[in-house]
């Protein structure tokens, strides 16, 4: 009887502690295996259907990884540092993307993020209205994913595949006349 009473008491304390604990918010999910299993006009996808990179043995990257490099360094580098390696303003994305799911990456870029407490004040603005980011969001993700996985080194990729016609069409459709 005493063991049963202790078990019930322990369960009650655990329930109270769990309900009193602050909500940690969304938990990052692993990005998954980056291996390209399908492609559509030069754009590669992993087994979960997320955009991914394809880098040939001679370090020749797919067009979207190269485009992501250019777009990241044009729009994101100012805060996140050279090649996404972090700075005093923003975190190292080569580490963050090791555990950040594609959908979570999208949400942060579109809506921004705020992490303010007594020790720090980290604020990333949302880029949902910025066509220079949103039209190339998948490209930026693919590039950062390659950096996070160690498949793409620092600096400009040595060579890249040709730009697919669909990439040009999508760019024109997104950016507008």
C-alpha atoms as a PDB file:
ATOM      1  CA  UNK A   1       0.000   0.000   0.000  1.00  0.00           C
ATOM      2  CA  UNK A   2       2.850   2.365   0.858  1.00  0.00           C
ATOM      3  CA  UNK A   3       4.494   1.756  -2.569  1.00  0.00           C
ATOM      4  CA  UNK A   4       1.206   2.539  -4.315  1.00  0.00           C
ATOM      5  CA  UNK A   5       0.803   5.764  -2.336  1.00  0.00           C
ATOM      6  CA  UNK A   6       4.386   6.835  -3.159  1.00  0.00           C
ATOM      7  CA  UNK A   7       3.833   6.078  -6.856  1.00  0.00           C
ATOM      8  CA  UNK A   8       0.618   8.137  -6.939  1.00  0.00           C
ATOM      9  CA  UNK A   9       2.316  10.991  -5.079  1.00  0.00           C
ATOM     10  CA  UNK A  10       5.297  10.925  -7.451  1.00  0.00           C
ATOM     11  CA  UNK A  11       2.965  10.963 -10.456  1.00  0.00           C
ATOM     12  CA  UNK A  12       1.070  13.938  -9.016  1.00  0.00           C
ATOM     13  CA  UNK A  13       4.284  15.903  -8.380  1.00  0.00           C
ATOM     14  CA  UNK A  14       5.526  15.123 -11.894  1.00  0.00           C
ATOM     15  CA  UNK A  15       2.222  16.329 -13.368  1.00  0.00           C
ATOM     16  CA  UNK A  16       2.325  19.573 -11.395  1.00  0.00           C
ATOM     17  CA  UNK A  17       5.967  20.162 -12.351  1.00  0.00           C
ATOM     18  CA  UNK A  18       5.258  19.498 -16.018  1.00  0.00           C
ATOM     19  CA  UNK A  19       2.287  21.858 -16.101  1.00  0.00           C
ATOM     20  CA  UNK A  20       4.210  24.596 -14.260  1.00  0.00           C
ATOM     21  CA  UNK A  21       7.192  24.439 -16.615  1.00  0.00           C
ATOM     22  CA  UNK A  22       7.321  27.152 -19.279  1.00  0.00           C
ATOM     23  CA  UNK A  23       6.466  26.148 -22.822  1.00  0.00           C
ATOM     24  CA  UNK A  24       9.791  25.692 -24.633  1.00  0.00           C
ATOM     25  CA  UNK A  25       8.178  26.604 -27.959  1.00  0.00           C
ATOM     26  CA  UNK A  26       8.761  24.725 -31.198  1.00  0.00           C
ATOM     27  CA  UNK A  27      11.450  22.099 -31.047  1.00  0.00           C
ATOM     28  CA  UNK A  28      13.796  21.901 -34.004  1.00  0.00           C
ATOM     29  CA  UNK A  29      13.585  18.694 -35.953  1.00  0.00           C
ATOM     30  CA  UNK A  30      16.503  17.097 -37.709  1.00  0.00           C
ATOM     31  CA  UNK A  31      16.980  18.232 -41.275  1.00  0.00           C
ATOM     32  CA  UNK A  32      17.071  14.610 -42.445  1.00  0.00           C
ATOM     33  CA  UNK A  33      19.293  12.843 -44.928  1.00  0.00           C
ATOM     34  CA  UNK A  34      20.410  15.368 -47.562  1.00  0.00           C
ATOM     35  CA  UNK A  35      20.957  12.724 -50.247  1.00  0.00           C
ATOM     36  CA  UNK A  36      19.239  13.704 -53.495  1.00  0.00           C
ATOM     37  CA  UNK A  37      16.753  10.992 -54.475  1.00  0.00           C
ATOM     38  CA  UNK A  38      14.836  12.860 -57.171  1.00  0.00           C
ATOM     39  CA  UNK A  39      15.170  15.866 -59.424  1.00  0.00           C
ATOM     40  CA  UNK A  40      12.980  18.149 -61.451  1.00  0.00           C
ATOM     41  CA  UNK A  41      14.679  20.245 -64.137  1.00  0.00           C
ATOM     42  CA  UNK A  42      17.940  20.530 -62.220  1.00  0.00           C
ATOM     43  CA  UNK A  43      16.364  21.007 -58.784  1.00  0.00           C
ATOM     44  CA  UNK A  44      17.094  18.167 -56.362  1.00  0.00           C
ATOM     45  CA  UNK A  45      14.983  16.755 -53.512  1.00  0.00           C
ATOM     46  CA  UNK A  46      15.660  14.454 -50.570  1.00  0.00           C
ATOM     47  CA  UNK A  47      13.518  11.470 -49.527  1.00  0.00           C
ATOM     48  CA  UNK A  48      11.163  13.798 -47.604  1.00  0.00           C
ATOM     49  CA  UNK A  49      10.614  16.036 -50.644  1.00  0.00           C
ATOM     50  CA  UNK A  50      12.718  18.898 -49.261  1.00  0.00           C
ATOM     51  CA  UNK A  51      15.056  20.785 -51.587  1.00  0.00           C
ATOM     52  CA  UNK A  52      18.638  19.590 -51.358  1.00  0.00           C
ATOM     53  CA  UNK A  53      21.970  19.953 -53.067  1.00  0.00           C
ATOM     54  CA  UNK A  54      23.899  17.789 -55.461  1.00  0.00           C
ATOM     55  CA  UNK A  55      27.641  18.178 -55.592  1.00  0.00           C
ATOM     56  CA  UNK A  56      29.674  16.172 -58.080  1.00  0.00           C
ATOM     57  CA  UNK A  57      33.013  14.598 -57.100  1.00  0.00           C
ATOM     58  CA  UNK A  58      34.867  17.436 -58.847  1.00  0.00           C
ATOM     59  CA  UNK A  59      33.092  19.968 -56.528  1.00  0.00           C
ATOM     60  CA  UNK A  60      30.749  21.066 -59.297  1.00  0.00           C
ATOM     61  CA  UNK A  61      27.520  22.161 -57.606  1.00  0.00           C
ATOM     62  CA  UNK A  62      23.995  22.187 -58.951  1.00  0.00           C
ATOM     63  CA  UNK A  63      22.627  25.535 -60.128  1.00  0.00           C
ATOM     64  CA  UNK A  64      20.428  26.073 -57.063  1.00  0.00           C
ATOM     65  CA  UNK A  65      23.307  25.635 -54.612  1.00  0.00           C
ATOM     66  CA  UNK A  66      25.299  28.197 -56.590  1.00  0.00           C
ATOM     67  CA  UNK A  67      22.312  30.544 -56.720  1.00  0.00           C
ATOM     68  CA  UNK A  68      21.868  30.102 -52.965  1.00  0.00           C
ATOM     69  CA  UNK A  69      25.499  31.062 -52.411  1.00  0.00           C
ATOM     70  CA  UNK A  70      24.996  34.275 -54.387  1.00  0.00           C
ATOM     71  CA  UNK A  71      21.669  35.129 -52.746  1.00  0.00           C
ATOM     72  CA  UNK A  72      22.862  34.352 -49.226  1.00  0.00           C
ATOM     73  CA  UNK A  73      25.910  36.549 -49.645  1.00  0.00           C
ATOM     74  CA  UNK A  74      23.780  39.333 -51.096  1.00  0.00           C
ATOM     75  CA  UNK A  75      21.054  39.365 -48.442  1.00  0.00           C
ATOM     76  CA  UNK A  76      22.009  37.360 -45.348  1.00  0.00           C
ATOM     77  CA  UNK A  77      25.777  37.575 -44.948  1.00  0.00           C
ATOM     78  CA  UNK A  78      25.640  41.031 -43.390  1.00  0.00           C
ATOM     79  CA  UNK A  79      24.229  39.506 -40.177  1.00  0.00           C
ATOM     80  CA  UNK A  80      24.986  35.784 -40.391  1.00  0.00           C
ATOM     81  CA  UNK A  81      28.605  36.228 -41.441  1.00  0.00           C
ATOM     82  CA  UNK A  82      30.677  34.960 -44.312  1.00  0.00           C
ATOM     83  CA  UNK A  83      29.222  31.714 -45.681  1.00  0.00           C
ATOM     84  CA  UNK A  84      26.736  31.525 -42.797  1.00  0.00           C
ATOM     85  CA  UNK A  85      29.415  30.960 -40.174  1.00  0.00           C
ATOM     86  CA  UNK A  86      27.879  33.425 -37.724  1.00  0.00           C
ATOM     87  CA  UNK A  87      28.795  36.807 -36.311  1.00  0.00           C
ATOM     88  CA  UNK A  88      28.192  38.933 -33.240  1.00  0.00           C
ATOM     89  CA  UNK A  89      24.806  39.827 -34.783  1.00  0.00           C
ATOM     90  CA  UNK A  90      23.409  36.431 -35.723  1.00  0.00           C
ATOM     91  CA  UNK A  91      24.023  32.707 -35.198  1.00  0.00           C
ATOM     92  CA  UNK A  92      26.147  30.287 -37.180  1.00  0.00           C
ATOM     93  CA  UNK A  93      23.725  28.783 -39.692  1.00  0.00           C
ATOM     94  CA  UNK A  94      26.162  26.025 -40.578  1.00  0.00           C
ATOM     95  CA  UNK A  95      25.379  24.695 -37.098  1.00  0.00           C
ATOM     96  CA  UNK A  96      21.683  25.638 -36.955  1.00  0.00           C
ATOM     97  CA  UNK A  97      20.826  23.826 -40.169  1.00  0.00           C
ATOM     98  CA  UNK A  98      22.174  20.561 -38.807  1.00  0.00           C
ATOM     99  CA  UNK A  99      18.971  20.268 -36.759  1.00  0.00           C
ATOM    100  CA  UNK A 100      16.552  22.774 -38.274  1.00  0.00           C
ATOM    101  CA  UNK A 101      13.839  21.271 -40.472  1.00  0.00           C
ATOM    102  CA  UNK A 102      13.070  22.879 -43.828  1.00  0.00           C
ATOM    103  CA  UNK A 103       9.606  24.028 -42.708  1.00  0.00           C
ATOM    104  CA  UNK A 104      11.086  25.656 -39.589  1.00  0.00           C
ATOM    105  CA  UNK A 105      13.704  27.411 -41.733  1.00  0.00           C
ATOM    106  CA  UNK A 106      10.932  28.773 -43.957  1.00  0.00           C
ATOM    107  CA  UNK A 107       8.921  30.049 -40.972  1.00  0.00           C
ATOM    108  CA  UNK A 108      11.877  31.862 -39.453  1.00  0.00           C
ATOM    109  CA  UNK A 109      12.875  33.545 -42.721  1.00  0.00           C
ATOM    110  CA  UNK A 110       9.316  34.536 -43.610  1.00  0.00           C
ATOM    111  CA  UNK A 111       8.146  35.657 -40.162  1.00  0.00           C
ATOM    112  CA  UNK A 112      11.369  36.517 -38.377  1.00  0.00           C
ATOM    113  CA  UNK A 113      12.344  35.446 -34.895  1.00  0.00           C
ATOM    114  CA  UNK A 114      12.709  37.102 -31.551  1.00  0.00           C
ATOM    115  CA  UNK A 115      14.644  35.706 -28.583  1.00  0.00           C
ATOM    116  CA  UNK A 116      14.884  38.433 -25.970  1.00  0.00           C
ATOM    117  CA  UNK A 117      15.842  37.813 -22.355  1.00  0.00           C
ATOM    118  CA  UNK A 118      18.024  39.426 -19.696  1.00  0.00           C
ATOM    119  CA  UNK A 119      21.193  37.943 -21.193  1.00  0.00           C
ATOM    120  CA  UNK A 120      20.659  38.674 -24.865  1.00  0.00           C
ATOM    121  CA  UNK A 121      18.457  40.286 -27.447  1.00  0.00           C
ATOM    122  CA  UNK A 122      18.361  38.363 -30.723  1.00  0.00           C
ATOM    123  CA  UNK A 123      15.944  39.677 -33.300  1.00  0.00           C
ATOM    124  CA  UNK A 124      15.736  38.586 -36.916  1.00  0.00           C
ATOM    125  CA  UNK A 125      13.341  40.542 -39.086  1.00  0.00           C
ATOM    126  CA  UNK A 126      10.886  38.703 -41.302  1.00  0.00           C
ATOM    127  CA  UNK A 127      11.681  38.676 -45.010  1.00  0.00           C
ATOM    128  CA  UNK A 128       8.255  37.546 -46.239  1.00  0.00           C
ATOM    129  CA  UNK A 129       7.854  40.690 -48.361  1.00  0.00           C
ATOM    130  CA  UNK A 130      11.391  40.744 -49.744  1.00  0.00           C
ATOM    131  CA  UNK A 131      11.429  39.252 -53.234  1.00  0.00           C
ATOM    132  CA  UNK A 132      15.243  39.121 -53.262  1.00  0.00           C
ATOM    133  CA  UNK A 133      14.954  36.559 -50.465  1.00  0.00           C
ATOM    134  CA  UNK A 134      11.586  34.904 -51.029  1.00  0.00           C
ATOM    135  CA  UNK A 135      12.061  34.195 -54.735  1.00  0.00           C
ATOM    136  CA  UNK A 136      15.253  32.324 -53.832  1.00  0.00           C
ATOM    137  CA  UNK A 137      14.323  30.846 -50.447  1.00  0.00           C
ATOM    138  CA  UNK A 138      14.851  27.246 -51.590  1.00  0.00           C
ATOM    139  CA  UNK A 139      18.207  28.180 -53.136  1.00  0.00           C
ATOM    140  CA  UNK A 140      19.398  29.787 -49.891  1.00  0.00           C
ATOM    141  CA  UNK A 141      18.255  26.745 -47.912  1.00  0.00           C
ATOM    142  CA  UNK A 142      20.014  24.338 -50.296  1.00  0.00           C
ATOM    143  CA  UNK A 143      23.267  26.294 -50.063  1.00  0.00           C
ATOM    144  CA  UNK A 144      23.148  26.482 -46.259  1.00  0.00           C
ATOM    145  CA  UNK A 145      22.245  22.809 -46.039  1.00  0.00           C
ATOM    146  CA  UNK A 146      25.323  21.938 -48.103  1.00  0.00           C
ATOM    147  CA  UNK A 147      27.453  24.133 -45.824  1.00  0.00           C
ATOM    148  CA  UNK A 148      25.936  22.581 -42.667  1.00  0.00           C
ATOM    149  CA  UNK A 149      26.579  19.063 -43.943  1.00  0.00           C
ATOM    150  CA  UNK A 150      30.181  19.893 -44.852  1.00  0.00           C
ATOM    151  CA  UNK A 151      29.523  19.110 -48.518  1.00  0.00           C
ATOM    152  CA  UNK A 152      30.235  22.694 -49.613  1.00  0.00           C
ATOM    153  CA  UNK A 153      33.309  24.443 -48.322  1.00  0.00           C
ATOM    154  CA  UNK A 154      33.800  28.093 -47.610  1.00  0.00           C
ATOM    155  CA  UNK A 155      33.890  30.533 -50.500  1.00  0.00           C
ATOM    156  CA  UNK A 156      32.452  30.572 -53.977  1.00  0.00           C
ATOM    157  CA  UNK A 157      31.758  27.132 -55.461  1.00  0.00           C
ATOM    158  CA  UNK A 158      34.443  26.200 -57.998  1.00  0.00           C
ATOM    159  CA  UNK A 159      31.942  25.459 -60.789  1.00  0.00           C
ATOM    160  CA  UNK A 160      28.241  24.896 -61.275  1.00  0.00           C
ATOM    161  CA  UNK A 161      25.725  23.314 -63.577  1.00  0.00           C
ATOM    162  CA  UNK A 162      24.104  25.522 -66.184  1.00  0.00           C
ATOM    163  CA  UNK A 163      21.050  27.508 -65.143  1.00  0.00           C
ATOM    164  CA  UNK A 164      17.922  25.520 -66.052  1.00  0.00           C
ATOM    165  CA  UNK A 165      15.312  27.250 -68.208  1.00  0.00           C
ATOM    166  CA  UNK A 166      12.739  26.584 -65.476  1.00  0.00           C
ATOM    167  CA  UNK A 167      14.909  28.539 -63.006  1.00  0.00           C
ATOM    168  CA  UNK A 168      14.848  31.539 -65.336  1.00  0.00           C
ATOM    169  CA  UNK A 169      11.086  31.219 -65.826  1.00  0.00           C
ATOM    170  CA  UNK A 170      10.428  30.897 -62.077  1.00  0.00           C
ATOM    171  CA  UNK A 171      12.665  33.884 -61.408  1.00  0.00           C
ATOM    172  CA  UNK A 172      10.797  36.012 -63.955  1.00  0.00           C
ATOM    173  CA  UNK A 173       7.413  34.892 -62.600  1.00  0.00           C
ATOM    174  CA  UNK A 174       8.391  35.659 -58.999  1.00  0.00           C
ATOM    175  CA  UNK A 175      10.259  38.928 -59.474  1.00  0.00           C
ATOM    176  CA  UNK A 176       7.623  40.326 -61.838  1.00  0.00           C
ATOM    177  CA  UNK A 177       8.012  42.622 -64.803  1.00  0.00           C
END
